[in-house]
Amino acid sequence: MDALRDLEFFVLLCQKGSLSAAARELDVSAAATSKRLAGIEKRLGVQLLNRNTRTMSLTAAGEIYVEEARKIAHSVEALENRLNQQSGDIHGLLRLNASLGFGRKYMAAMVSEFIARYPKVEIQMHLSDHPLDLVASSYDIGIRFGELPDSTLHARKLVSHRRLICAAPAYIARHGTPTHPDQLAEHNCLILRQNEDTFSIWKFEHAGRDIAVRVSGNLSCNDGESIVAWALAGHGVIQRAEWEVSRHIACGELVELLADYVLPSADISAVYHYQQFVPPRVRAFIDFFDEYVKRAPVPLDP
């Protein structure tokens, strides 16, 4: 059992990239983490990591150890998943990744309800301004929007959703209403710098024809809420998901523009990396998400 825990510890250490980061994840001191690594190396009789005060790298023995450790950990997890599926018991640690804005406004309330139904599940939710690598970061589920670039992950679409172009009435009064996407090049567009997308290229489809427009503006940010706030203040035109702006459009604070032109979808999906045996807690969460959005549909009202 100690050897298995050592394997799991070393995999975590490699994922985190440093002794201090692994210590924070394990909620122990950096000294305790360093001592544990030294104990593993002493037991094995080999050095697994080259390390100094700032960096660490795998030795040849360390590469072999972590590769085999991952295989063993996956085999143990698959075995436990099979047994858990037979017992029907929903329990264990569930690690989630979602975007900052959506996580705060939607996921937090949903997770609260989920944990009330499945109190034996422990949830760690990490909100980030860009999607994290589920495998490298050891997350069970990621909530993603739009097209999914990583085909190695399994995905379940949960909500069909749109992106919209909009601006405040005050901005429109000063600068006019664009009637074709090409006219956006003449407007102050507020740009969200997220993920690996080409930030300044906005894409549309109309009557079977694709349209791509290079936009620019004097404000950009990696946070969607800031972009919406700037639009509400009348600074420019934004492209955002419907759940972020629908209530502002409903009360007249923002006006939808170019409604006849279709933007790339903002469909919401749950993605996961499990292959043959999906842990019951993962399946239960995705099923619950699907159920929840039917009761509390996106977009949200305040």
Protein backbone atom coordinates (compact mmCIF):
# COMPACT_ATOMS: atom_id res chain seq x y z
CA MET A 1 0.00 0.00 0.00
CA ASP A 2 2.86 2.39 0.81
CA ALA A 3 4.41 1.68 -2.60
CA LEU A 4 1.12 2.53 -4.33
CA ARG A 5 0.83 5.76 -2.38
CA ASP A 6 4.40 6.61 -3.35
CA LEU A 7 3.47 6.10 -7.00
CA GLU A 8 0.46 8.40 -6.64
CA PHE A 9 2.59 10.98 -4.84
CA PHE A 10 5.24 10.99 -7.55
CA VAL A 11 2.66 11.34 -10.34
CA LEU A 12 1.16 14.33 -8.48
CA LEU A 13 4.60 15.84 -7.98
CA CYS A 14 5.35 15.62 -11.70
CA GLN A 15 1.96 17.12 -12.57
CA LYS A 16 2.46 20.07 -10.24
CA GLY A 17 6.01 20.68 -11.41
CA SER A 18 7.53 21.61 -8.07
CA LEU A 19 7.83 20.42 -4.49
CA SER A 20 6.13 23.55 -3.17
CA ALA A 21 3.14 23.18 -5.51
CA ALA A 22 2.75 19.52 -4.58
CA ALA A 23 2.98 20.48 -0.91
CA ARG A 24 0.16 22.99 -1.32
CA GLU A 25 -2.00 20.40 -3.06
CA LEU A 26 -1.35 17.85 -0.30
CA ASP A 27 -1.70 20.49 2.44
CA VAL A 28 1.68 19.63 3.96
CA SER A 29 4.94 21.52 4.31
CA ALA A 30 7.49 21.70 1.51
CA ALA A 31 9.98 20.08 3.87
CA ALA A 32 7.67 17.10 4.37
CA THR A 33 7.26 16.75 0.60
CA SER A 34 11.02 16.87 0.05
CA LYS A 35 11.55 14.30 2.81
CA ARG A 36 8.99 11.97 1.24
CA LEU A 37 10.66 12.19 -2.16
CA ALA A 38 14.05 11.48 -0.59
CA GLY A 39 12.57 8.45 1.14
CA ILE A 40 11.22 7.06 -2.14
CA GLU A 41 14.59 7.55 -3.84
CA LYS A 42 16.39 5.88 -0.94
CA ARG A 43 14.00 2.90 -1.02
CA LEU A 44 14.42 2.50 -4.79
CA GLY A 45 18.15 3.19 -4.74
CA VAL A 46 17.94 5.66 -7.66
CA GLN A 47 17.59 9.40 -8.13
CA LEU A 48 14.26 10.27 -9.72
CA LEU A 49 14.59 14.04 -10.03
CA ASN A 50 17.33 16.55 -10.68
CA ARG A 51 16.42 19.50 -8.50
CA ASN A 52 17.63 22.75 -7.06
CA THR A 53 15.91 25.56 -5.21
CA ARG A 54 13.99 26.72 -8.29
CA THR A 55 13.64 23.92 -10.84
CA MET A 56 13.38 20.17 -11.12
CA SER A 57 13.58 17.71 -14.00
CA LEU A 58 13.15 13.97 -14.39
CA THR A 59 16.17 11.71 -14.51
CA ALA A 60 16.10 8.70 -16.86
CA ALA A 61 14.98 6.55 -13.92
CA GLY A 62 12.36 9.16 -13.02
CA GLU A 63 10.87 9.06 -16.52
CA ILE A 64 10.49 5.28 -16.30
CA TYR A 65 9.03 5.49 -12.79
CA VAL A 66 6.41 8.13 -13.60
CA GLU A 67 5.39 6.42 -16.84
CA GLU A 68 4.80 3.11 -15.09
CA ALA A 69 3.25 4.86 -12.09
CA ARG A 70 0.61 6.42 -14.34
CA LYS A 71 -0.21 3.04 -15.86
CA ILE A 72 -0.57 1.42 -12.46
CA ALA A 73 -2.66 4.29 -11.10
CA HIS A 74 -4.99 4.09 -14.10
CA SER A 75 -5.34 0.32 -13.67
CA VAL A 76 -6.21 0.69 -9.99
CA GLU A 77 -8.69 3.46 -10.79
CA ALA A 78 -10.33 1.34 -13.50
CA LEU A 79 -10.67 -1.56 -11.07
CA GLU A 80 -12.25 0.67 -8.43
CA ASN A 81 -14.59 2.17 -11.01
CA ARG A 82 -15.83 -1.27 -12.02
CA LEU A 83 -16.51 -2.21 -8.41
CA ASN A 84 -18.15 1.14 -7.65
CA GLN A 85 -20.42 0.81 -10.66
CA GLN A 86 -21.61 -2.54 -9.34
CA SER A 87 -22.24 -1.16 -5.85
CA GLY A 88 -23.96 1.99 -7.13
CA ASP A 89 -22.32 4.05 -4.37
CA ILE A 90 -21.47 7.62 -5.40
CA HIS A 91 -18.44 8.82 -3.49
CA GLY A 92 -14.84 10.01 -3.83
CA LEU A 93 -12.97 13.11 -4.98
CA LEU A 94 -14.28 14.96 -8.05
CA ARG A 95 -12.09 17.69 -9.54
CA LEU A 96 -13.79 20.22 -11.83
CA ASN A 97 -12.49 22.97 -14.11
CA ALA A 98 -14.67 25.77 -15.49
CA SER A 99 -14.30 29.36 -16.63
CA LEU A 100 -14.23 32.13 -14.05
CA GLY A 101 -17.43 33.94 -15.00
CA PHE A 102 -19.57 30.88 -15.64
CA GLY A 103 -18.20 29.16 -12.55
CA ARG A 104 -19.08 32.04 -10.28
CA LYS A 105 -22.52 32.73 -11.74
CA TYR A 106 -23.71 29.20 -12.46
CA MET A 107 -21.48 26.34 -11.33
CA ALA A 108 -21.24 27.32 -7.67
CA ALA A 109 -25.01 27.03 -7.14
CA MET A 110 -25.20 23.80 -9.11
CA VAL A 111 -22.35 22.20 -7.17
CA SER A 112 -24.11 23.17 -3.95
CA GLU A 113 -27.20 21.22 -5.00
CA PHE A 114 -25.14 18.29 -6.26
CA ILE A 115 -23.27 17.91 -2.98
CA ALA A 116 -26.54 18.01 -1.06
CA ARG A 117 -27.73 15.03 -3.09
CA TYR A 118 -24.39 13.17 -2.98
CA PRO A 119 -22.80 14.09 0.38
CA LYS A 120 -20.12 11.38 0.09
CA VAL A 121 -18.55 13.17 -2.89
CA GLU A 122 -15.74 15.66 -2.27
CA ILE A 123 -15.51 18.40 -4.90
CA GLN A 124 -12.54 20.57 -5.77
CA MET A 125 -13.58 23.21 -8.33
CA HIS A 126 -10.90 25.28 -10.03
CA LEU A 127 -12.00 28.33 -12.03
CA SER A 128 -9.59 29.64 -14.65
CA ASP A 129 -9.52 32.20 -17.45
CA HIS A 130 -8.59 29.47 -19.95
CA PRO A 131 -9.38 25.73 -20.15
CA LEU A 132 -6.87 23.55 -18.33
CA ASP A 133 -5.42 20.28 -19.62
CA LEU A 134 -7.58 17.74 -17.80
CA VAL A 135 -5.06 14.90 -17.98
CA ALA A 136 -1.94 16.87 -17.09
CA SER A 137 -3.72 18.72 -14.28
CA SER A 138 -5.66 15.66 -13.00
CA TYR A 139 -9.15 17.09 -13.45
CA ASP A 140 -12.10 14.74 -13.87
CA ILE A 141 -14.46 17.08 -15.72
CA GLY A 142 -14.05 20.32 -17.65
CA ILE A 143 -16.94 22.60 -18.63
CA ARG A 144 -16.23 23.91 -22.11
CA PHE A 145 -17.90 26.34 -24.53
CA GLY A 146 -18.21 26.09 -28.29
CA GLU A 147 -16.07 23.86 -30.47
CA LEU A 148 -13.91 21.38 -28.59
CA PRO A 149 -10.35 21.45 -29.97
CA ASP A 150 -9.08 18.34 -28.16
CA SER A 151 -10.52 15.27 -29.90
CA THR A 152 -8.86 12.93 -27.40
CA LEU A 153 -11.42 13.88 -24.76
CA HIS A 154 -14.92 12.50 -24.47
CA ALA A 155 -17.64 15.15 -24.48
CA ARG A 156 -21.33 15.39 -23.72
CA LYS A 157 -23.16 18.43 -25.01
CA LEU A 158 -25.43 19.78 -22.29
CA VAL A 159 -26.80 23.09 -23.61
CA SER A 160 -27.19 24.62 -27.06
CA HIS A 161 -26.12 28.21 -26.72
CA ARG A 162 -25.43 31.30 -28.85
CA ARG A 163 -22.90 34.09 -29.02
CA LEU A 164 -24.22 37.59 -29.57
CA ILE A 165 -22.90 40.96 -30.76
CA CYS A 166 -24.12 43.89 -28.68
CA ALA A 167 -23.43 47.42 -27.46
CA ALA A 168 -24.96 49.99 -25.14
CA PRO A 169 -27.59 52.41 -26.48
CA ALA A 170 -25.27 55.31 -25.66
CA TYR A 171 -22.51 53.88 -27.87
CA ILE A 172 -24.95 53.25 -30.72
CA ALA A 173 -26.28 56.81 -30.45
CA ARG A 174 -22.75 58.17 -30.90
CA HIS A 175 -21.41 55.74 -33.51
CA GLY A 176 -24.43 54.26 -35.31
CA THR A 177 -25.68 50.72 -35.79
CA PRO A 178 -23.62 48.35 -37.95
CA THR A 179 -25.75 46.53 -40.52
CA HIS A 180 -23.04 44.19 -41.85
CA PRO A 181 -20.14 42.48 -40.02
CA ASP A 182 -17.61 44.28 -42.27
CA GLN A 183 -18.68 47.56 -40.65
CA LEU A 184 -17.32 46.35 -37.29
CA ALA A 185 -13.86 47.25 -38.56
CA GLU A 186 -14.94 50.88 -38.19
CA HIS A 187 -16.16 50.44 -34.61
CA ASN A 188 -14.42 50.27 -31.25
CA CYS A 189 -14.63 46.55 -30.47
CA LEU A 190 -13.82 45.37 -26.95
CA ILE A 191 -11.69 42.25 -27.25
CA LEU A 192 -11.54 39.25 -24.94
CA ARG A 193 -8.09 37.66 -24.90
CA GLN A 194 -8.72 34.10 -23.81
CA ASN A 195 -7.63 30.59 -24.74
CA GLU A 196 -5.57 30.24 -27.92
CA ASP A 197 -8.09 31.88 -30.23
CA THR A 198 -7.29 34.62 -32.73
CA PHE A 199 -8.71 37.38 -30.58
CA SER A 200 -9.17 40.05 -33.22
CA ILE A 201 -10.90 37.90 -35.85
CA TRP A 202 -14.68 37.71 -35.40
CA LYS A 203 -16.40 35.07 -37.53
CA PHE A 204 -19.95 35.00 -38.85
CA GLU A 205 -22.10 32.88 -41.15
CA HIS A 206 -24.94 34.21 -43.28
CA ALA A 207 -26.88 32.56 -46.08
CA GLY A 208 -24.31 29.78 -46.29
CA ARG A 209 -21.40 32.21 -46.57
CA ASP A 210 -18.59 32.56 -44.02
CA ILE A 211 -17.50 36.05 -43.06
CA ALA A 212 -14.37 36.89 -41.06
CA VAL A 213 -13.74 40.43 -39.83
CA ARG A 214 -10.60 41.79 -38.18
CA VAL A 215 -11.71 44.07 -35.36
CA SER A 216 -9.81 46.40 -33.08
CA GLY A 217 -10.43 48.64 -30.10
CA ASN A 218 -8.81 50.51 -27.25
CA LEU A 219 -9.80 48.02 -24.52
CA SER A 220 -9.05 44.31 -24.15
CA CYS A 221 -8.98 41.91 -21.23
CA ASN A 222 -8.83 38.21 -20.35
CA ASP A 223 -11.95 38.50 -18.16
CA GLY A 224 -15.42 38.39 -19.71
CA GLU A 225 -17.12 40.31 -16.90
CA SER A 226 -14.77 43.26 -17.43
CA ILE A 227 -15.58 43.28 -21.14
CA VAL A 228 -19.32 43.34 -20.41
CA ALA A 229 -18.86 46.13 -17.84
CA TRP A 230 -17.01 48.26 -20.39
CA ALA A 231 -19.78 47.68 -22.93
CA LEU A 232 -22.41 48.70 -20.37
CA ALA A 233 -20.44 51.90 -19.82
CA GLY A 234 -20.74 52.67 -23.55
CA HIS A 235 -17.13 52.06 -24.58
CA GLY A 236 -17.74 49.74 -27.54
CA VAL A 237 -19.09 46.61 -29.20
CA ILE A 238 -18.68 43.16 -27.66
CA GLN A 239 -19.10 39.53 -28.68
CA ARG A 240 -20.24 37.47 -25.71
CA ALA A 241 -22.17 34.31 -24.85
CA GLU A 242 -25.91 34.75 -24.41
CA TRP A 243 -25.84 33.77 -20.74
CA GLU A 244 -23.60 36.76 -20.00
CA VAL A 245 -25.63 39.47 -21.73
CA SER A 246 -29.25 38.32 -22.07
CA ARG A 247 -30.46 40.06 -18.92
CA HIS A 248 -28.78 43.30 -19.98
CA ILE A 249 -30.48 43.07 -23.38
CA ALA A 250 -33.84 42.29 -21.75
CA CYS A 251 -33.72 45.46 -19.64
CA GLY A 252 -32.37 47.67 -22.44
CA GLU A 253 -28.87 48.18 -21.04
CA LEU A 254 -27.43 46.51 -24.16
CA VAL A 255 -28.79 46.17 -27.70
CA GLU A 256 -28.22 43.08 -29.83
CA LEU A 257 -26.57 43.88 -33.16
CA LEU A 258 -26.33 41.94 -36.44
CA ALA A 259 -29.00 39.50 -35.30
CA ASP A 260 -29.31 37.98 -38.79
CA TYR A 261 -25.69 36.81 -38.73
CA VAL A 262 -24.76 33.61 -36.92
CA LEU A 263 -21.64 33.49 -34.79
CA PRO A 264 -19.75 30.32 -33.76
CA SER A 265 -21.80 28.48 -31.16
CA ALA A 266 -21.22 28.74 -27.44
CA ASP A 267 -22.69 25.29 -26.78
CA ILE A 268 -21.86 24.09 -23.27
CA SER A 269 -20.31 20.63 -22.92
CA ALA A 270 -18.87 18.50 -20.15
CA VAL A 271 -15.60 16.89 -21.21
CA TYR A 272 -13.74 14.07 -19.51
CA HIS A 273 -10.80 11.80 -20.26
CA TYR A 274 -12.00 8.44 -18.98
CA GLN A 275 -12.11 5.61 -21.47
CA GLN A 276 -13.84 2.29 -20.72
CA PHE A 277 -14.89 2.84 -17.11
CA VAL A 278 -16.26 6.25 -16.20
CA PRO A 279 -16.28 6.73 -12.41
CA PRO A 280 -19.80 6.80 -10.99
CA ARG A 281 -19.16 10.23 -9.44
CA VAL A 282 -18.23 11.61 -12.88
CA ARG A 283 -21.27 10.09 -14.56
CA ALA A 284 -23.51 11.28 -11.72
CA PHE A 285 -22.23 14.85 -11.97
CA ILE A 286 -22.74 15.05 -15.73
CA ASP A 287 -26.24 13.58 -15.42
CA PHE A 288 -27.00 16.07 -12.64
CA PHE A 289 -25.69 18.98 -14.75
CA ASP A 290 -27.99 17.90 -17.58
CA GLU A 291 -30.92 17.74 -15.18
CA TYR A 292 -30.02 21.04 -13.53
CA VAL A 293 -29.91 23.11 -16.73
CA LYS A 294 -33.39 21.89 -17.59
CA ARG A 295 -34.62 23.29 -14.25
CA ALA A 296 -32.44 26.43 -14.21
CA PRO A 297 -31.72 27.06 -17.88
CA VAL A 298 -28.84 29.10 -19.20
CA PRO A 299 -28.88 32.11 -19.67
CA LEU A 300 -29.42 33.15 -16.08
CA ASP A 301 -31.67 35.86 -14.82
CA PRO A 302 -30.59 37.72 -11.68
